[in-house]
Amino acid sequence: MKQISSSRRTFVGTIAAGATGLFGVVEPVLARPVGNASGDADSWFKSIKGKHRIVYDASEPHNGFPMIWTWVFYKTNNDTGSADNDMTAVVVLRHNAIPYAMEDRLWEKYKLGQFFKVNDNHTNAPAVRNPLWMPQEKDYPVPGIDGIKTLQDRGAMFCVCNMAITVLSGFAAKSMDFDAEEVKNDWLSGILPGIQVVPSGVWAIGRAQENGCAYCYAGG
């Protein structure tokens, strides 16, 4: 697979480009309805509960900090007297953070660790599995931090940007000489259980704030 730039400039440039080059590959997919990315997304936000509500804007992998800060939110609220059922963290996986929403099969097949510059702490090589779904020892910098599945069990809500999936799967399809729509559908089929596909990450951040969540950037 050829080296693929996944920088913010490349992503935005693809959106802004005319119907030429790569945009010509993904434009037919962008033009179609988003399907499961829209129908239940608004109602999904109605599940936000509790007095303490926050939305994490995860636009980059940031060495796992979107999940680390989510765990910190639950731990420190517990430490100050609030139970898990009195809070909700919403994590919006968008732009270059979208692979955290995907199963191991996709990480291996599309070399997502190389694509999104996520290394496996066990090998120091690009990851070929999702290290933060059910993390192993060394996947986080210190032990005891919850992975995505455990955070979901505690009430955290995760969603992923359909626009980023559409554009970035188009990059992958072009580099591998695959059909853009087939690759996008494959990525959507490998979204992890309980993670909601939303029309776009920025759409989701707005909806979360409309439902009482304070905003927090999920960087390091």
Protein backbone atom coordinates (compact mmCIF):
# COMPACT_ATOMS: atom_id res chain seq x y z
CA MET A 1 0.00 0.00 0.00
CA LYS A 2 1.41 3.39 -0.94
CA GLN A 3 2.12 5.95 1.74
CA ILE A 4 -1.02 8.01 2.29
CA SER A 5 -1.07 11.47 3.82
CA SER A 6 -3.90 11.79 6.33
CA SER A 7 -3.15 15.35 7.40
CA ARG A 8 -5.85 17.86 8.16
CA ARG A 9 -4.78 19.84 5.08
CA THR A 10 -5.23 16.80 2.82
CA PHE A 11 -8.63 15.97 4.34
CA VAL A 12 -9.96 19.50 3.98
CA GLY A 13 -8.42 19.82 0.55
CA THR A 14 -10.26 16.73 -0.57
CA ILE A 15 -13.57 18.15 0.62
CA ALA A 16 -12.89 21.48 -1.07
CA ALA A 17 -11.58 20.12 -4.37
CA GLY A 18 -13.60 20.10 -7.56
CA ALA A 19 -14.80 16.95 -9.25
CA THR A 20 -11.26 15.99 -10.26
CA GLY A 21 -8.59 13.62 -8.99
CA LEU A 22 -9.42 11.80 -5.79
CA PHE A 23 -12.57 13.81 -5.19
CA GLY A 24 -13.87 12.32 -8.41
CA VAL A 25 -13.47 8.90 -6.78
CA VAL A 26 -15.33 9.71 -3.56
CA GLU A 27 -17.83 12.27 -4.86
CA PRO A 28 -20.44 9.64 -5.89
CA VAL A 29 -20.26 8.14 -2.39
CA LEU A 30 -20.51 11.56 -0.72
CA ALA A 31 -23.59 12.32 -2.81
CA ARG A 32 -25.55 9.33 -1.47
CA PRO A 33 -27.67 9.43 1.71
CA VAL A 34 -25.72 8.55 4.83
CA GLY A 35 -28.08 5.72 5.79
CA ASN A 36 -27.44 4.47 9.31
CA ALA A 37 -25.41 7.61 9.95
CA SER A 38 -28.54 9.73 10.25
CA GLY A 39 -31.73 7.82 11.03
CA ASP A 40 -31.18 7.12 14.72
CA ALA A 41 -28.37 9.57 15.45
CA ASP A 42 -30.53 12.37 16.88
CA SER A 43 -32.41 9.97 19.15
CA TRP A 44 -29.10 8.39 20.22
CA PHE A 45 -28.16 11.64 21.96
CA LYS A 46 -31.30 11.38 24.09
CA SER A 47 -29.52 8.60 26.01
CA ILE A 48 -27.21 11.17 27.61
CA LYS A 49 -27.97 11.10 31.32
CA GLY A 50 -26.96 12.52 34.67
CA LYS A 51 -25.96 15.83 36.15
CA HIS A 52 -22.40 15.81 34.78
CA ARG A 53 -22.15 15.75 30.98
CA ILE A 54 -19.16 16.28 28.72
CA VAL A 55 -18.31 15.80 25.04
CA TYR A 56 -14.76 15.01 23.99
CA ASP A 57 -13.72 16.24 20.57
CA ALA A 58 -11.35 13.50 19.36
CA SER A 59 -9.99 14.64 16.00
CA GLU A 60 -6.62 12.83 16.26
CA PRO A 61 -5.40 9.59 17.88
CA HIS A 62 -3.38 11.65 20.41
CA ASN A 63 -1.74 8.53 21.86
CA GLY A 64 -5.07 7.36 23.27
CA PHE A 65 -5.84 10.53 25.21
CA PRO A 66 -9.50 10.68 24.04
CA MET A 67 -10.06 7.50 26.07
CA ILE A 68 -7.65 8.45 28.86
CA TRP A 69 -9.52 11.71 29.52
CA THR A 70 -12.85 9.86 29.43
CA TRP A 71 -11.58 7.46 32.09
CA VAL A 72 -10.26 10.43 34.13
CA PHE A 73 -13.70 12.07 33.93
CA TYR A 74 -15.38 8.97 35.40
CA LYS A 75 -12.69 8.33 38.01
CA THR A 76 -12.52 11.87 39.36
CA ASN A 77 -16.30 12.25 39.44
CA ASN A 78 -16.46 8.96 41.37
CA ASP A 79 -13.78 10.28 43.73
CA THR A 80 -15.86 13.42 44.38
CA GLY A 81 -19.07 11.53 45.14
CA SER A 82 -20.83 11.01 41.78
CA ALA A 83 -21.82 7.55 40.63
CA ASP A 84 -21.44 6.44 37.02
CA ASN A 85 -25.20 6.72 36.45
CA ASP A 86 -25.08 10.45 37.29
CA MET A 87 -22.73 11.33 34.41
CA THR A 88 -22.15 10.82 30.71
CA ALA A 89 -19.07 11.33 28.58
CA VAL A 90 -19.68 11.45 24.82
CA VAL A 91 -16.60 10.80 22.68
CA VAL A 92 -16.77 12.02 19.08
CA LEU A 93 -14.25 10.11 16.97
CA ARG A 94 -13.69 12.20 13.87
CA HIS A 95 -11.00 12.99 11.28
CA ASN A 96 -7.86 10.95 12.08
CA ALA A 97 -9.30 9.37 15.26
CA ILE A 98 -11.87 7.26 13.40
CA PRO A 99 -9.88 3.99 13.44
CA TYR A 100 -10.54 3.66 17.18
CA ALA A 101 -14.15 2.90 16.17
CA MET A 102 -13.09 -0.06 14.01
CA GLU A 103 -12.51 -3.75 14.63
CA ASP A 104 -9.14 -5.48 14.38
CA ARG A 105 -9.97 -6.99 10.97
CA LEU A 106 -9.95 -3.53 9.38
CA TRP A 107 -6.75 -2.48 11.12
CA GLU A 108 -4.97 -5.47 9.62
CA LYS A 109 -6.56 -5.42 6.16
CA TYR A 110 -6.09 -1.68 5.49
CA LYS A 111 -2.93 -1.13 7.57
CA LEU A 112 -4.75 1.46 9.66
CA GLY A 113 -1.88 1.85 12.09
CA GLN A 114 0.33 3.02 9.22
CA PHE A 115 -2.47 5.07 7.67
CA PHE A 116 -3.30 6.96 10.88
CA LYS A 117 0.16 6.85 12.49
CA VAL A 118 -0.83 4.70 15.47
CA ASN A 119 1.96 2.45 16.77
CA ASP A 120 1.61 -0.73 18.81
CA ASN A 121 3.44 -0.16 22.11
CA HIS A 122 4.43 -3.84 22.18
CA THR A 123 6.26 -3.76 18.84
CA ASN A 124 6.89 -0.04 18.19
CA ALA A 125 5.58 -0.77 14.69
CA PRO A 126 2.31 0.46 13.13
CA ALA A 127 -0.60 -1.22 14.91
CA VAL A 128 -2.49 -4.00 13.13
CA ARG A 129 -5.20 -4.17 15.81
CA ASN A 130 -7.30 -1.68 17.72
CA PRO A 131 -5.21 -1.23 20.88
CA LEU A 132 -7.84 0.63 22.89
CA TRP A 133 -11.00 -1.43 22.41
CA MET A 134 -9.96 -4.01 25.03
CA PRO A 135 -6.42 -2.84 25.88
CA GLN A 136 -3.63 -5.17 26.87
CA GLU A 137 -0.76 -4.40 29.22
CA LYS A 138 1.38 -1.56 27.80
CA ASP A 139 -1.33 -0.30 25.44
CA TYR A 140 -1.74 2.66 27.79
CA PRO A 141 1.23 4.52 29.32
CA VAL A 142 0.18 3.42 32.83
CA PRO A 143 -1.93 0.44 33.95
CA GLY A 144 -5.52 0.59 35.13
CA ILE A 145 -7.05 2.83 32.46
CA ASP A 146 -10.30 1.58 30.95
CA GLY A 147 -10.61 0.73 27.26
CA ILE A 148 -13.53 1.69 25.05
CA LYS A 149 -15.62 -1.40 25.84
CA THR A 150 -15.33 -0.95 29.61
CA LEU A 151 -16.04 2.78 29.31
CA GLN A 152 -19.19 1.92 27.32
CA ASP A 153 -20.23 -0.45 30.11
CA ARG A 154 -19.86 2.46 32.53
CA GLY A 155 -22.12 4.69 30.41
CA ALA A 156 -19.73 6.52 28.09
CA MET A 157 -21.06 6.98 24.56
CA PHE A 158 -18.90 6.79 21.44
CA CYS A 159 -19.74 7.93 17.92
CA VAL A 160 -17.79 8.12 14.66
CA CYS A 161 -17.88 10.56 11.75
CA ASN A 162 -19.42 9.27 8.52
CA MET A 163 -17.88 12.11 6.51
CA ALA A 164 -14.37 11.12 7.61
CA ILE A 165 -15.11 7.46 6.88
CA THR A 166 -16.28 8.42 3.39
CA VAL A 167 -13.28 10.59 2.51
CA LEU A 168 -10.53 8.55 4.14
CA SER A 169 -11.82 5.21 2.88
CA GLY A 170 -11.64 6.86 -0.53
CA PHE A 171 -7.91 7.45 -0.01
CA ALA A 172 -7.49 3.80 0.96
CA ALA A 173 -9.52 2.59 -2.02
CA LYS A 174 -7.51 4.66 -4.50
CA SER A 175 -4.16 3.52 -3.11
CA MET A 176 -5.20 -0.16 -3.29
CA ASP A 177 -7.09 0.10 -6.58
CA PHE A 178 -10.35 -0.89 -4.89
CA ASP A 179 -13.87 0.46 -5.38
CA ALA A 180 -14.47 3.45 -3.07
CA GLU A 181 -18.01 2.49 -2.15
CA GLU A 182 -17.01 -1.11 -1.37
CA VAL A 183 -14.23 0.05 0.94
CA LYS A 184 -16.51 2.50 2.69
CA ASN A 185 -19.12 -0.20 3.21
CA ASP A 186 -16.44 -2.52 4.55
CA TRP A 187 -15.32 0.11 7.04
CA LEU A 188 -18.91 0.68 8.14
CA SER A 189 -19.46 -3.07 8.54
CA GLY A 190 -16.50 -3.18 10.93
CA ILE A 191 -17.65 -0.48 13.34
CA LEU A 192 -17.40 -1.82 16.88
CA PRO A 193 -20.56 -2.69 18.88
CA GLY A 194 -22.32 0.25 20.46
CA ILE A 195 -20.51 2.94 18.47
CA GLN A 196 -22.97 5.20 16.63
CA VAL A 197 -22.23 6.41 13.11
CA VAL A 198 -23.13 10.11 12.82
CA PRO A 199 -23.33 12.34 9.72
CA SER A 200 -20.21 14.24 10.76
CA GLY A 201 -18.13 14.76 13.84
CA VAL A 202 -18.83 18.47 14.01
CA TRP A 203 -22.56 17.73 13.70
CA ALA A 204 -22.25 15.37 16.67
CA ILE A 205 -20.34 17.87 18.81
CA GLY A 206 -23.14 20.36 18.26
CA ARG A 207 -25.83 17.81 19.11
CA ALA A 208 -24.03 16.80 22.30
CA GLN A 209 -23.82 20.42 23.44
CA GLU A 210 -27.50 20.89 22.63
CA ASN A 211 -28.12 17.97 25.01
CA GLY A 212 -26.26 19.59 27.90
CA CYS A 213 -22.66 18.47 27.39
CA ALA A 214 -19.74 20.75 28.14
CA TYR A 215 -17.10 20.77 25.39
CA CYS A 216 -13.55 19.48 25.87
CA TYR A 217 -10.83 19.02 23.27
CA ALA A 218 -9.42 15.51 23.67
CA GLY A 219 -5.75 16.22 22.96
CA GLY A 220 -2.73 15.36 25.06
